[in-house]
Amino acid sequence: MEDQEIRQALYQGKVTELIERLAKSEIFLRATQNAIRPDRMLDREYVTRFLAFTELDYTKEFEGNIDHYLIKAMKLVNNYRESDIRRIEDKFQTVMGYCAEIFGKFAFRKYNRIKEQILLSKSYNENWRRGPINKAIFEMWSVCFSELTEEQLDKIVCKRKEFLMKFCDMQQDRGFITAIKAGDQHSTNRRIDMARNMLKEFV
């Protein structure tokens, strides 16, 4: 069994019901373009990562072992009141919706522009190289977007082209390249801090 299948079996309750709903939600499927296969509950692992990195203080609670961290989040959410569950669902819907609107087909992926082409409209999208959905980038934007108000996120939408170009440039930064490759505590904190600093230019 995969780790997420084990977690789902061991910590059944409010949290597993919530994770299943969110993994099957239209907005999650749209944001990820149906690219995260539900086989072996990989889609639910992504949702669990969202819960862990947005409900726990990752700077203090995450010590490098992702399994322990996700279990800690599941235990926490299992004891939540219904009002907290609804709060999480609303937050998830908001973050996934804005990720879909801002990034489009590049949501949660590494991507590169070819030569000096600029993403101006949908017709230009095919000229950008994109990689598979990346767990580290998913966690990073989940954290950063969940910290913003809808008014701030709308500002990014209005500057979508510039934002995508800026993140494209950041992906060429040696520090970011190093931080995105590893799952240790320092790398996790580093990449989220870099994304957060980038956001300051737009909100």
N, C-alpha and C. Protein backbone atom coordinates (compact mmCIF):
# COMPACT_ATOMS: atom_id res chain seq x y z
N MET A 1 0.83 -1.20 0.00
CA MET A 1 0.00 0.00 0.00
C MET A 1 0.86 1.25 0.00
N GLU A 2 0.38 2.29 -0.66
CA GLU A 2 1.06 3.57 -0.64
C GLU A 2 0.82 4.26 0.70
N ASP A 3 1.70 5.21 1.04
CA ASP A 3 1.60 5.89 2.33
C ASP A 3 0.24 6.54 2.54
N GLN A 4 -0.30 7.18 1.48
CA GLN A 4 -1.58 7.85 1.64
C GLN A 4 -2.71 6.85 1.88
N GLU A 5 -2.63 5.70 1.25
CA GLU A 5 -3.65 4.67 1.48
C GLU A 5 -3.62 4.21 2.94
N ILE A 6 -2.44 4.11 3.50
CA ILE A 6 -2.30 3.72 4.90
C ILE A 6 -2.86 4.81 5.81
N ARG A 7 -2.52 6.06 5.50
CA ARG A 7 -3.02 7.18 6.32
C ARG A 7 -4.54 7.24 6.27
N GLN A 8 -5.10 7.04 5.08
CA GLN A 8 -6.56 7.09 4.94
C GLN A 8 -7.23 5.98 5.76
N ALA A 9 -6.58 4.83 5.83
CA ALA A 9 -7.14 3.70 6.57
C ALA A 9 -7.04 3.89 8.08
N LEU A 10 -5.95 4.50 8.52
CA LEU A 10 -5.69 4.63 9.96
C LEU A 10 -6.41 5.80 10.62
N TYR A 11 -6.69 6.85 9.84
CA TYR A 11 -7.22 8.07 10.46
C TYR A 11 -8.57 8.46 9.88
N GLN A 12 -9.43 7.46 9.74
CA GLN A 12 -10.76 7.71 9.17
C GLN A 12 -11.59 8.59 10.08
N GLY A 13 -12.42 9.40 9.45
CA GLY A 13 -13.25 10.32 10.21
C GLY A 13 -13.51 11.57 9.40
N LYS A 14 -13.65 12.68 10.09
CA LYS A 14 -13.92 13.95 9.42
C LYS A 14 -12.87 14.28 8.38
N VAL A 15 -11.61 14.02 8.73
CA VAL A 15 -10.53 14.44 7.83
C VAL A 15 -10.52 13.63 6.54
N THR A 16 -10.74 12.32 6.62
CA THR A 16 -10.72 11.52 5.39
C THR A 16 -11.93 11.84 4.51
N GLU A 17 -13.05 12.15 5.14
CA GLU A 17 -14.23 12.55 4.37
C GLU A 17 -13.98 13.89 3.67
N LEU A 18 -13.34 14.80 4.39
CA LEU A 18 -13.00 16.11 3.81
C LEU A 18 -12.02 15.96 2.66
N ILE A 19 -10.98 15.18 2.87
CA ILE A 19 -9.97 14.97 1.84
C ILE A 19 -10.59 14.38 0.58
N GLU A 20 -11.47 13.41 0.75
CA GLU A 20 -12.12 12.80 -0.41
C GLU A 20 -12.97 13.82 -1.17
N ARG A 21 -13.72 14.63 -0.43
CA ARG A 21 -14.56 15.65 -1.09
C ARG A 21 -13.72 16.63 -1.88
N LEU A 22 -12.65 17.10 -1.27
CA LEU A 22 -11.81 18.10 -1.93
C LEU A 22 -11.08 17.51 -3.13
N ALA A 23 -10.64 16.27 -3.01
CA ALA A 23 -9.93 15.63 -4.12
C ALA A 23 -10.84 15.42 -5.33
N LYS A 24 -12.13 15.26 -5.07
CA LYS A 24 -13.09 15.05 -6.16
C LYS A 24 -13.76 16.34 -6.61
N SER A 25 -13.43 17.44 -5.96
CA SER A 25 -14.10 18.71 -6.27
C SER A 25 -13.74 19.20 -7.67
N GLU A 26 -14.70 19.85 -8.28
CA GLU A 26 -14.51 20.36 -9.65
C GLU A 26 -13.34 21.34 -9.72
N ILE A 27 -13.20 22.18 -8.71
CA ILE A 27 -12.16 23.21 -8.75
C ILE A 27 -10.76 22.60 -8.64
N PHE A 28 -10.60 21.53 -7.86
CA PHE A 28 -9.30 20.86 -7.77
C PHE A 28 -8.96 20.18 -9.09
N LEU A 29 -9.95 19.54 -9.68
CA LEU A 29 -9.73 18.88 -10.97
C LEU A 29 -9.39 19.90 -12.05
N ARG A 30 -10.03 21.07 -11.97
CA ARG A 30 -9.74 22.11 -12.97
C ARG A 30 -8.35 22.70 -12.75
N ALA A 31 -8.00 22.98 -11.51
CA ALA A 31 -6.69 23.58 -11.22
C ALA A 31 -5.56 22.65 -11.61
N THR A 32 -5.76 21.36 -11.41
CA THR A 32 -4.72 20.37 -11.73
C THR A 32 -4.90 19.78 -13.12
N GLN A 33 -5.92 20.22 -13.83
CA GLN A 33 -6.21 19.72 -15.18
C GLN A 33 -6.32 18.20 -15.23
N ASN A 34 -6.91 17.63 -14.18
CA ASN A 34 -7.10 16.18 -14.08
C ASN A 34 -5.80 15.41 -14.25
N ALA A 35 -4.69 16.05 -13.90
CA ALA A 35 -3.38 15.43 -14.14
C ALA A 35 -2.87 14.60 -12.96
N ILE A 36 -3.55 14.68 -11.83
CA ILE A 36 -3.14 13.89 -10.67
C ILE A 36 -4.02 12.66 -10.59
N ARG A 37 -3.45 11.53 -10.85
CA ARG A 37 -4.23 10.30 -10.92
C ARG A 37 -4.74 9.89 -9.54
N PRO A 38 -5.98 9.46 -9.48
CA PRO A 38 -6.53 9.00 -8.19
C PRO A 38 -6.03 7.62 -7.79
N ASP A 39 -5.33 6.94 -8.73
CA ASP A 39 -4.77 5.63 -8.41
C ASP A 39 -3.88 5.74 -7.17
N ARG A 40 -4.05 4.84 -6.24
CA ARG A 40 -3.25 4.80 -5.01
C ARG A 40 -3.37 6.09 -4.22
N MET A 41 -4.47 6.82 -4.45
CA MET A 41 -4.83 8.01 -3.67
C MET A 41 -3.81 9.15 -3.77
N LEU A 42 -3.15 9.28 -4.90
CA LEU A 42 -2.19 10.37 -5.06
C LEU A 42 -2.90 11.72 -4.98
N ASP A 43 -4.11 11.80 -5.54
CA ASP A 43 -4.86 13.05 -5.47
C ASP A 43 -5.16 13.44 -4.02
N ARG A 44 -5.46 12.44 -3.20
CA ARG A 44 -5.75 12.72 -1.79
C ARG A 44 -4.49 13.11 -1.03
N GLU A 45 -3.34 12.61 -1.48
CA GLU A 45 -2.09 13.04 -0.85
C GLU A 45 -1.87 14.53 -1.07
N TYR A 46 -2.15 15.02 -2.27
CA TYR A 46 -1.99 16.44 -2.55
C TYR A 46 -2.92 17.26 -1.66
N VAL A 47 -4.15 16.83 -1.51
CA VAL A 47 -5.09 17.56 -0.65
C VAL A 47 -4.60 17.53 0.80
N THR A 48 -4.07 16.40 1.23
CA THR A 48 -3.55 16.30 2.60
C THR A 48 -2.38 17.24 2.79
N ARG A 49 -1.55 17.39 1.78
CA ARG A 49 -0.45 18.34 1.86
C ARG A 49 -0.98 19.77 1.99
N PHE A 50 -2.05 20.07 1.28
CA PHE A 50 -2.67 21.39 1.41
C PHE A 50 -3.09 21.62 2.86
N LEU A 51 -3.78 20.64 3.44
CA LEU A 51 -4.22 20.76 4.83
C LEU A 51 -3.05 20.98 5.77
N ALA A 52 -2.01 20.18 5.60
CA ALA A 52 -0.87 20.24 6.51
C ALA A 52 -0.15 21.57 6.44
N PHE A 53 0.08 22.06 5.23
CA PHE A 53 0.87 23.28 5.09
C PHE A 53 0.07 24.55 5.32
N THR A 54 -1.26 24.45 5.33
CA THR A 54 -2.06 25.65 5.59
C THR A 54 -2.68 25.65 6.99
N GLU A 55 -2.78 24.49 7.63
CA GLU A 55 -3.37 24.43 8.97
C GLU A 55 -2.32 24.37 10.07
N LEU A 56 -1.16 23.84 9.77
CA LEU A 56 -0.07 23.77 10.74
C LEU A 56 0.96 24.84 10.43
N ASP A 57 1.71 25.24 11.42
CA ASP A 57 2.81 26.18 11.21
C ASP A 57 4.02 25.37 10.73
N TYR A 58 4.19 25.31 9.43
CA TYR A 58 5.24 24.46 8.86
C TYR A 58 6.63 24.86 9.33
N THR A 59 6.82 26.13 9.68
CA THR A 59 8.15 26.58 10.11
C THR A 59 8.54 25.96 11.45
N LYS A 60 7.54 25.52 12.21
CA LYS A 60 7.81 24.90 13.52
C LYS A 60 7.49 23.41 13.53
N GLU A 61 6.45 23.02 12.82
CA GLU A 61 5.95 21.65 12.91
C GLU A 61 6.60 20.69 11.92
N PHE A 62 7.02 21.21 10.75
CA PHE A 62 7.60 20.32 9.74
C PHE A 62 9.10 20.19 9.97
N GLU A 63 9.55 18.97 10.22
CA GLU A 63 10.96 18.73 10.52
C GLU A 63 11.65 17.91 9.45
N GLY A 64 10.98 17.74 8.31
CA GLY A 64 11.62 17.03 7.21
C GLY A 64 11.00 15.68 6.89
N ASN A 65 10.22 15.13 7.83
CA ASN A 65 9.56 13.85 7.58
C ASN A 65 8.12 14.13 7.16
N ILE A 66 7.84 14.02 5.88
CA ILE A 66 6.52 14.41 5.36
C ILE A 66 5.42 13.49 5.88
N ASP A 67 5.69 12.21 6.06
CA ASP A 67 4.67 11.29 6.55
C ASP A 67 4.22 11.68 7.95
N HIS A 68 5.16 11.94 8.84
CA HIS A 68 4.82 12.35 10.20
C HIS A 68 4.04 13.66 10.19
N TYR A 69 4.42 14.56 9.30
CA TYR A 69 3.78 15.87 9.23
C TYR A 69 2.34 15.75 8.74
N LEU A 70 2.11 14.93 7.73
CA LEU A 70 0.76 14.75 7.21
C LEU A 70 -0.14 14.06 8.24
N ILE A 71 0.41 13.11 8.95
CA ILE A 71 -0.35 12.43 10.01
C ILE A 71 -0.74 13.41 11.10
N LYS A 72 0.17 14.28 11.46
CA LYS A 72 -0.11 15.29 12.49
C LYS A 72 -1.28 16.18 12.06
N ALA A 73 -1.29 16.55 10.78
CA ALA A 73 -2.38 17.39 10.26
C ALA A 73 -3.70 16.63 10.26
N MET A 74 -3.66 15.37 9.87
CA MET A 74 -4.89 14.58 9.83
C MET A 74 -5.48 14.41 11.23
N LYS A 75 -4.64 14.18 12.20
CA LYS A 75 -5.12 14.05 13.58
C LYS A 75 -5.75 15.36 14.05
N LEU A 76 -5.13 16.46 13.69
CA LEU A 76 -5.64 17.77 14.08
C LEU A 76 -7.03 18.02 13.48
N VAL A 77 -7.13 17.84 12.18
CA VAL A 77 -8.38 18.14 11.49
C VAL A 77 -9.50 17.18 11.90
N ASN A 78 -9.15 15.97 12.27
CA ASN A 78 -10.16 15.01 12.72
C ASN A 78 -10.92 15.50 13.95
N ASN A 79 -10.30 16.40 14.70
CA ASN A 79 -10.92 16.93 15.92
C ASN A 79 -11.54 18.31 15.71
N TYR A 80 -11.57 18.77 14.47
CA TYR A 80 -12.13 20.10 14.17
C TYR A 80 -13.66 20.10 14.29
N ARG A 81 -14.17 21.27 14.59
CA ARG A 81 -15.62 21.49 14.54
C ARG A 81 -16.05 21.66 13.09
N GLU A 82 -17.34 21.55 12.86
CA GLU A 82 -17.86 21.68 11.50
C GLU A 82 -17.55 23.06 10.91
N SER A 83 -17.54 24.07 11.76
CA SER A 83 -17.23 25.42 11.27
C SER A 83 -15.81 25.49 10.74
N ASP A 84 -14.89 24.76 11.37
CA ASP A 84 -13.51 24.72 10.89
C ASP A 84 -13.40 23.96 9.57
N ILE A 85 -14.18 22.89 9.46
CA ILE A 85 -14.20 22.11 8.22
C ILE A 85 -14.68 22.98 7.07
N ARG A 86 -15.73 23.75 7.31
CA ARG A 86 -16.26 24.64 6.27
C ARG A 86 -15.24 25.72 5.92
N ARG A 87 -14.52 26.20 6.92
CA ARG A 87 -13.49 27.21 6.68
C ARG A 87 -12.40 26.65 5.75
N ILE A 88 -11.99 25.43 6.01
CA ILE A 88 -10.97 24.80 5.16
C ILE A 88 -11.49 24.63 3.74
N GLU A 89 -12.72 24.17 3.61
CA GLU A 89 -13.30 23.97 2.28
C GLU A 89 -13.36 25.28 1.50
N ASP A 90 -13.76 26.35 2.18
CA ASP A 90 -13.82 27.66 1.53
C ASP A 90 -12.43 28.12 1.10
N LYS A 91 -11.45 27.92 1.98
CA LYS A 91 -10.08 28.33 1.67
C LYS A 91 -9.53 27.52 0.50
N PHE A 92 -9.78 26.23 0.50
CA PHE A 92 -9.31 25.37 -0.58
C PHE A 92 -9.92 25.79 -1.91
N GLN A 93 -11.23 26.04 -1.91
CA GLN A 93 -11.91 26.48 -3.13
C GLN A 93 -11.31 27.79 -3.65
N THR A 94 -11.04 28.71 -2.74
CA THR A 94 -10.48 30.01 -3.13
C THR A 94 -9.09 29.86 -3.72
N VAL A 95 -8.22 29.15 -3.02
CA VAL A 95 -6.84 29.00 -3.47
C VAL A 95 -6.76 28.25 -4.79
N MET A 96 -7.48 27.15 -4.91
CA MET A 96 -7.46 26.38 -6.15
C MET A 96 -8.04 27.20 -7.31
N GLY A 97 -9.09 27.96 -7.02
CA GLY A 97 -9.71 28.78 -8.06
C GLY A 97 -8.76 29.83 -8.60
N TYR A 98 -8.06 30.50 -7.70
CA TYR A 98 -7.12 31.53 -8.15
C TYR A 98 -5.89 30.92 -8.82
N CYS A 99 -5.45 29.76 -8.36
CA CYS A 99 -4.33 29.09 -9.03
C CYS A 99 -4.71 28.74 -10.47
N ALA A 100 -5.93 28.27 -10.66
CA ALA A 100 -6.40 27.94 -12.01
C ALA A 100 -6.49 29.20 -12.86
N GLU A 101 -7.01 30.28 -12.29
CA GLU A 101 -7.19 31.51 -13.05
C GLU A 101 -5.86 32.18 -13.40
N ILE A 102 -4.93 32.15 -12.47
CA ILE A 102 -3.66 32.84 -12.67
C ILE A 102 -2.69 32.01 -13.52
N PHE A 103 -2.54 30.74 -13.19
CA PHE A 103 -1.54 29.91 -13.86
C PHE A 103 -2.07 29.15 -15.07
N GLY A 104 -3.38 28.90 -15.11
CA GLY A 104 -3.91 28.12 -16.21
C GLY A 104 -3.28 26.74 -16.28
N LYS A 105 -2.83 26.34 -17.45
CA LYS A 105 -2.27 25.00 -17.64
C LYS A 105 -0.91 24.83 -16.97
N PHE A 106 -0.35 25.92 -16.44
CA PHE A 106 0.95 25.85 -15.79
C PHE A 106 0.85 25.74 -14.27
N ALA A 107 -0.36 25.61 -13.75
CA ALA A 107 -0.56 25.56 -12.30
C ALA A 107 0.21 24.39 -11.67
N PHE A 108 1.00 24.72 -10.66
CA PHE A 108 1.75 23.75 -9.85
C PHE A 108 2.84 23.04 -10.65
N ARG A 109 3.29 23.68 -11.72
CA ARG A 109 4.32 23.07 -12.56
C ARG A 109 5.51 24.02 -12.74
N LYS A 110 6.64 23.43 -13.07
CA LYS A 110 7.77 24.23 -13.56
C LYS A 110 7.53 24.45 -15.05
N TYR A 111 7.88 25.63 -15.52
CA TYR A 111 7.69 25.92 -16.95
C TYR A 111 8.77 26.89 -17.41
N ASN A 112 8.99 26.91 -18.71
CA ASN A 112 10.00 27.78 -19.31
C ASN A 112 9.48 28.39 -20.59
N ARG A 113 9.72 29.67 -20.77
CA ARG A 113 9.35 30.30 -22.04
C ARG A 113 10.45 30.03 -23.06
N ILE A 114 10.08 30.04 -24.31
CA ILE A 114 11.02 29.82 -25.39
C ILE A 114 11.46 31.16 -25.95
N LYS A 115 12.75 31.37 -25.96
CA LYS A 115 13.35 32.61 -26.44
C LYS A 115 12.73 33.79 -25.69
N GLU A 116 12.24 34.76 -26.39
CA GLU A 116 11.69 35.96 -25.74
C GLU A 116 10.18 36.05 -25.86
N GLN A 117 9.55 34.92 -26.16
CA GLN A 117 8.09 34.94 -26.28
C GLN A 117 7.44 35.26 -24.94
N ILE A 118 6.36 35.99 -24.98
CA ILE A 118 5.64 36.38 -23.78
C ILE A 118 4.25 35.78 -23.83
N LEU A 119 3.82 35.28 -22.69
CA LEU A 119 2.48 34.69 -22.61
C LEU A 119 1.44 35.79 -22.60
N LEU A 120 0.81 36.01 -23.75
CA LEU A 120 -0.17 37.09 -23.88
C LEU A 120 -1.60 36.56 -23.89
N SER A 121 -1.78 35.38 -24.43
CA SER A 121 -3.12 34.82 -24.52
C SER A 121 -3.02 33.31 -24.60
N LYS A 122 -4.18 32.67 -24.67
CA LYS A 122 -4.20 31.21 -24.69
C LYS A 122 -3.42 30.65 -25.86
N SER A 123 -3.39 31.36 -26.98
CA SER A 123 -2.71 30.85 -28.17
C SER A 123 -1.21 30.73 -27.96
N TYR A 124 -0.67 31.45 -26.97
CA TYR A 124 0.77 31.39 -26.71
C TYR A 124 1.14 30.25 -25.77
N ASN A 125 0.17 29.68 -25.10
CA ASN A 125 0.48 28.67 -24.09
C ASN A 125 1.25 27.48 -24.63
N GLU A 126 0.94 27.07 -25.85
CA GLU A 126 1.57 25.88 -26.40
C GLU A 126 3.06 26.09 -26.65
N ASN A 127 3.51 27.32 -26.64
CA ASN A 127 4.92 27.60 -26.89
C ASN A 127 5.76 27.62 -25.62
N TRP A 128 5.12 27.31 -24.50
CA TRP A 128 5.86 27.24 -23.24
C TRP A 128 6.03 25.78 -22.86
N ARG A 129 7.25 25.43 -22.49
CA ARG A 129 7.50 24.07 -22.02
C ARG A 129 7.04 23.96 -20.57
N ARG A 130 6.36 22.90 -20.24
CA ARG A 130 5.93 22.70 -18.85
C ARG A 130 6.26 21.29 -18.40
N GLY A 131 6.56 21.16 -17.13
CA GLY A 131 6.84 19.86 -16.55
C GLY A 131 5.59 19.29 -15.90
N PRO A 132 5.72 18.15 -15.25
CA PRO A 132 4.58 17.56 -14.55
C PRO A 132 4.24 18.36 -13.29
N ILE A 133 3.09 18.11 -12.72
CA ILE A 133 2.72 18.78 -11.48
C ILE A 133 3.74 18.42 -10.41
N ASN A 134 4.16 19.44 -9.69
CA ASN A 134 5.26 19.32 -8.74
C ASN A 134 4.73 19.52 -7.31
N LYS A 135 4.99 18.56 -6.44
CA LYS A 135 4.47 18.64 -5.07
C LYS A 135 4.99 19.86 -4.32
N ALA A 136 6.26 20.18 -4.51
CA ALA A 136 6.85 21.32 -3.81
C ALA A 136 6.20 22.63 -4.24
N ILE A 137 5.93 22.77 -5.53
CA ILE A 137 5.29 23.99 -6.04
C ILE A 137 3.83 24.04 -5.58
N PHE A 138 3.18 22.89 -5.54
CA PHE A 138 1.80 22.84 -5.04
C PHE A 138 1.74 23.33 -3.59
N GLU A 139 2.64 22.84 -2.77
CA GLU A 139 2.68 23.27 -1.36
C GLU A 139 2.99 24.75 -1.25
N MET A 140 3.92 25.20 -2.04
CA MET A 140 4.38 26.59 -1.99
C MET A 140 3.26 27.57 -2.30
N TRP A 141 2.55 27.36 -3.41
CA TRP A 141 1.47 28.29 -3.76
C TRP A 141 0.26 28.10 -2.87
N SER A 142 0.07 26.89 -2.35
CA SER A 142 -1.03 26.68 -1.39
C SER A 142 -0.82 27.56 -0.16
N VAL A 143 0.38 27.56 0.35
CA VAL A 143 0.70 28.39 1.52
C VAL A 143 0.58 29.87 1.19
N CYS A 144 1.27 30.28 0.15
CA CYS A 144 1.35 31.72 -0.17
C CYS A 144 -0.01 32.31 -0.55
N PHE A 145 -0.78 31.61 -1.35
CA PHE A 145 -2.09 32.14 -1.75
C PHE A 145 -3.08 32.12 -0.60
N SER A 146 -2.94 31.15 0.31
CA SER A 146 -3.87 31.08 1.45
C SER A 146 -3.64 32.23 2.42
N GLU A 147 -2.49 32.87 2.33
CA GLU A 147 -2.17 34.00 3.21
C GLU A 147 -2.71 35.33 2.68
N LEU A 148 -3.19 35.33 1.44
CA LEU A 148 -3.64 36.56 0.80
C LEU A 148 -5.15 36.71 0.83
N THR A 149 -5.60 37.94 0.80
CA THR A 149 -7.03 38.21 0.68
C THR A 149 -7.44 38.07 -0.79
N GLU A 150 -8.74 37.97 -1.03
CA GLU A 150 -9.20 37.89 -2.42
C GLU A 150 -8.88 39.18 -3.17
N GLU A 151 -8.90 40.29 -2.46
CA GLU A 151 -8.53 41.56 -3.10
C GLU A 151 -7.08 41.53 -3.58
N GLN A 152 -6.20 40.97 -2.76
CA GLN A 152 -4.79 40.86 -3.16
C GLN A 152 -4.63 39.87 -4.31
N LEU A 153 -5.35 38.77 -4.26
CA LEU A 153 -5.27 37.79 -5.34
C LEU A 153 -5.80 38.36 -6.64
N ASP A 154 -6.83 39.20 -6.55
CA ASP A 154 -7.35 39.86 -7.75
C ASP A 154 -6.30 40.76 -8.40
N LYS A 155 -5.45 41.36 -7.58
CA LYS A 155 -4.38 42.20 -8.12
C LYS A 155 -3.41 41.37 -8.96
N ILE A 156 -3.16 40.14 -8.50
CA ILE A 156 -2.29 39.25 -9.27
C ILE A 156 -2.95 38.86 -10.58
N VAL A 157 -4.25 38.61 -10.53
CA VAL A 157 -4.99 38.27 -11.75
C VAL A 157 -4.84 39.39 -12.78
N CYS A 158 -4.92 40.63 -12.31
CA CYS A 158 -4.81 41.78 -13.22
C CYS A 158 -3.42 41.91 -13.82
N LYS A 159 -2.42 41.34 -13.13
CA LYS A 159 -1.04 41.40 -13.62
C LYS A 159 -0.54 40.00 -13.96
N ARG A 160 -1.44 39.19 -14.44
CA ARG A 160 -1.15 37.77 -14.66
C ARG A 160 0.08 37.55 -15.53
N LYS A 161 0.18 38.26 -16.64
CA LYS A 161 1.31 38.06 -17.55
C LYS A 161 2.63 38.35 -16.86
N GLU A 162 2.69 39.49 -16.17
CA GLU A 162 3.91 39.86 -15.47
C GLU A 162 4.24 38.86 -14.36
N PHE A 163 3.21 38.38 -13.68
CA PHE A 163 3.41 37.42 -12.59
C PHE A 163 3.99 36.11 -13.12
N LEU A 164 3.44 35.61 -14.21
CA LEU A 164 3.94 34.37 -14.79
C LEU A 164 5.37 34.52 -15.27
N MET A 165 5.68 35.66 -15.85
CA MET A 165 7.04 35.91 -16.30
C MET A 165 8.00 35.97 -15.11
N LYS A 166 7.55 36.60 -14.04
CA LYS A 166 8.40 36.74 -12.85
C LYS A 166 8.69 35.37 -12.24
N PHE A 167 7.67 34.53 -12.16
CA PHE A 167 7.90 33.19 -11.61
C PHE A 167 8.75 32.36 -12.55
N CYS A 168 8.59 32.57 -13.84
CA CYS A 168 9.44 31.88 -14.82
C CYS A 168 10.90 32.24 -14.58
N ASP A 169 11.15 33.52 -14.35
CA ASP A 169 12.51 33.96 -14.07
C ASP A 169 13.03 33.38 -12.76
N MET A 170 12.16 33.32 -11.75
CA MET A 170 12.59 32.80 -10.46
C MET A 170 13.00 31.34 -10.55
N GLN A 171 12.39 30.62 -11.47
CA GLN A 171 12.72 29.21 -11.64
C GLN A 171 14.13 29.01 -12.19
N GLN A 172 14.73 30.08 -12.68
CA GLN A 172 16.11 29.99 -13.18
C GLN A 172 17.12 30.38 -12.10
N ASP A 173 16.62 30.85 -10.96
CA ASP A 173 17.48 31.26 -9.86
C ASP A 173 18.11 30.02 -9.20
N ARG A 174 19.42 30.05 -9.01
CA ARG A 174 20.11 28.88 -8.46
C ARG A 174 19.59 28.50 -7.08
N GLY A 175 19.32 29.53 -6.27
CA GLY A 175 18.81 29.26 -4.94
C GLY A 175 17.47 28.55 -4.97
N PHE A 176 16.61 28.99 -5.89
CA PHE A 176 15.29 28.36 -6.00
C PHE A 176 15.41 26.95 -6.57
N ILE A 177 16.27 26.78 -7.56
CA ILE A 177 16.48 25.45 -8.16
C ILE A 177 16.89 24.45 -7.09
N THR A 178 17.80 24.88 -6.20
CA THR A 178 18.24 24.02 -5.12
C THR A 178 17.11 23.74 -4.13
N ALA A 179 16.37 24.79 -3.79
CA ALA A 179 15.30 24.66 -2.79
C ALA A 179 14.15 23.80 -3.27
N ILE A 180 13.89 23.80 -4.57
CA ILE A 180 12.74 23.07 -5.11
C ILE A 180 13.02 21.58 -5.24
N LYS A 181 14.28 21.20 -5.16
CA LYS A 181 14.65 19.80 -5.38
C LYS A 181 14.53 18.93 -4.13
N ALA A 182 14.60 19.56 -2.96
CA ALA A 182 14.66 18.77 -1.73
C ALA A 182 13.42 18.96 -0.86
N GLY A 183 13.18 18.00 0.01
CA GLY A 183 12.02 18.07 0.89
C GLY A 183 12.37 18.29 2.34
N ASP A 184 13.60 18.70 2.60
CA ASP A 184 14.00 18.94 3.98
C ASP A 184 13.42 20.26 4.49
N GLN A 185 13.54 20.48 5.77
CA GLN A 185 12.95 21.67 6.40
C GLN A 185 13.50 22.97 5.83
N HIS A 186 14.81 23.05 5.68
CA HIS A 186 15.43 24.29 5.19
C HIS A 186 14.97 24.60 3.76
N SER A 187 14.97 23.61 2.89
CA SER A 187 14.57 23.83 1.49
C SER A 187 13.11 24.23 1.39
N THR A 188 12.28 23.60 2.21
CA THR A 188 10.85 23.93 2.22
C THR A 188 10.64 25.38 2.62
N ASN A 189 11.27 25.77 3.72
CA ASN A 189 11.14 27.16 4.18
C ASN A 189 11.69 28.14 3.15
N ARG A 190 12.79 27.78 2.53
CA ARG A 190 13.46 28.66 1.59
C ARG A 190 12.59 28.94 0.36
N ARG A 191 12.03 27.91 -0.24
CA ARG A 191 11.25 28.14 -1.46
C ARG A 191 9.96 28.90 -1.17
N ILE A 192 9.34 28.64 -0.03
CA ILE A 192 8.13 29.38 0.33
C ILE A 192 8.46 30.83 0.60
N ASP A 193 9.58 31.08 1.26
CA ASP A 193 10.00 32.47 1.52
C ASP A 193 10.28 33.20 0.21
N MET A 194 10.90 32.53 -0.74
CA MET A 194 11.20 33.16 -2.02
C MET A 194 9.92 33.51 -2.77
N ALA A 195 8.95 32.61 -2.75
CA ALA A 195 7.67 32.88 -3.41
C ALA A 195 6.94 34.02 -2.71
N ARG A 196 6.98 34.02 -1.40
CA ARG A 196 6.31 35.07 -0.63
C ARG A 196 6.92 36.44 -0.94
N ASN A 197 8.22 36.49 -1.04
CA ASN A 197 8.90 37.75 -1.38
C ASN A 197 8.55 38.21 -2.79
N MET A 198 8.42 37.26 -3.71
CA MET A 198 8.04 37.60 -5.07
C MET A 198 6.64 38.21 -5.11
N LEU A 199 5.75 37.67 -4.30
CA LEU A 199 4.37 38.14 -4.27
C LEU A 199 4.26 39.60 -3.83
N LYS A 200 5.20 40.04 -3.02
CA LYS A 200 5.15 41.42 -2.51
C LYS A 200 5.16 42.44 -3.64
N GLU A 201 5.74 42.08 -4.76
CA GLU A 201 5.79 43.00 -5.90
C GLU A 201 4.43 43.18 -6.57
N PHE A 202 3.50 42.27 -6.28
CA PHE A 202 2.22 42.28 -6.99
C PHE A 202 1.02 42.62 -6.11
N VAL A 203 1.18 42.55 -4.80
CA VAL A 203 0.04 42.81 -3.92
C VAL A 203 0.29 44.02 -3.01
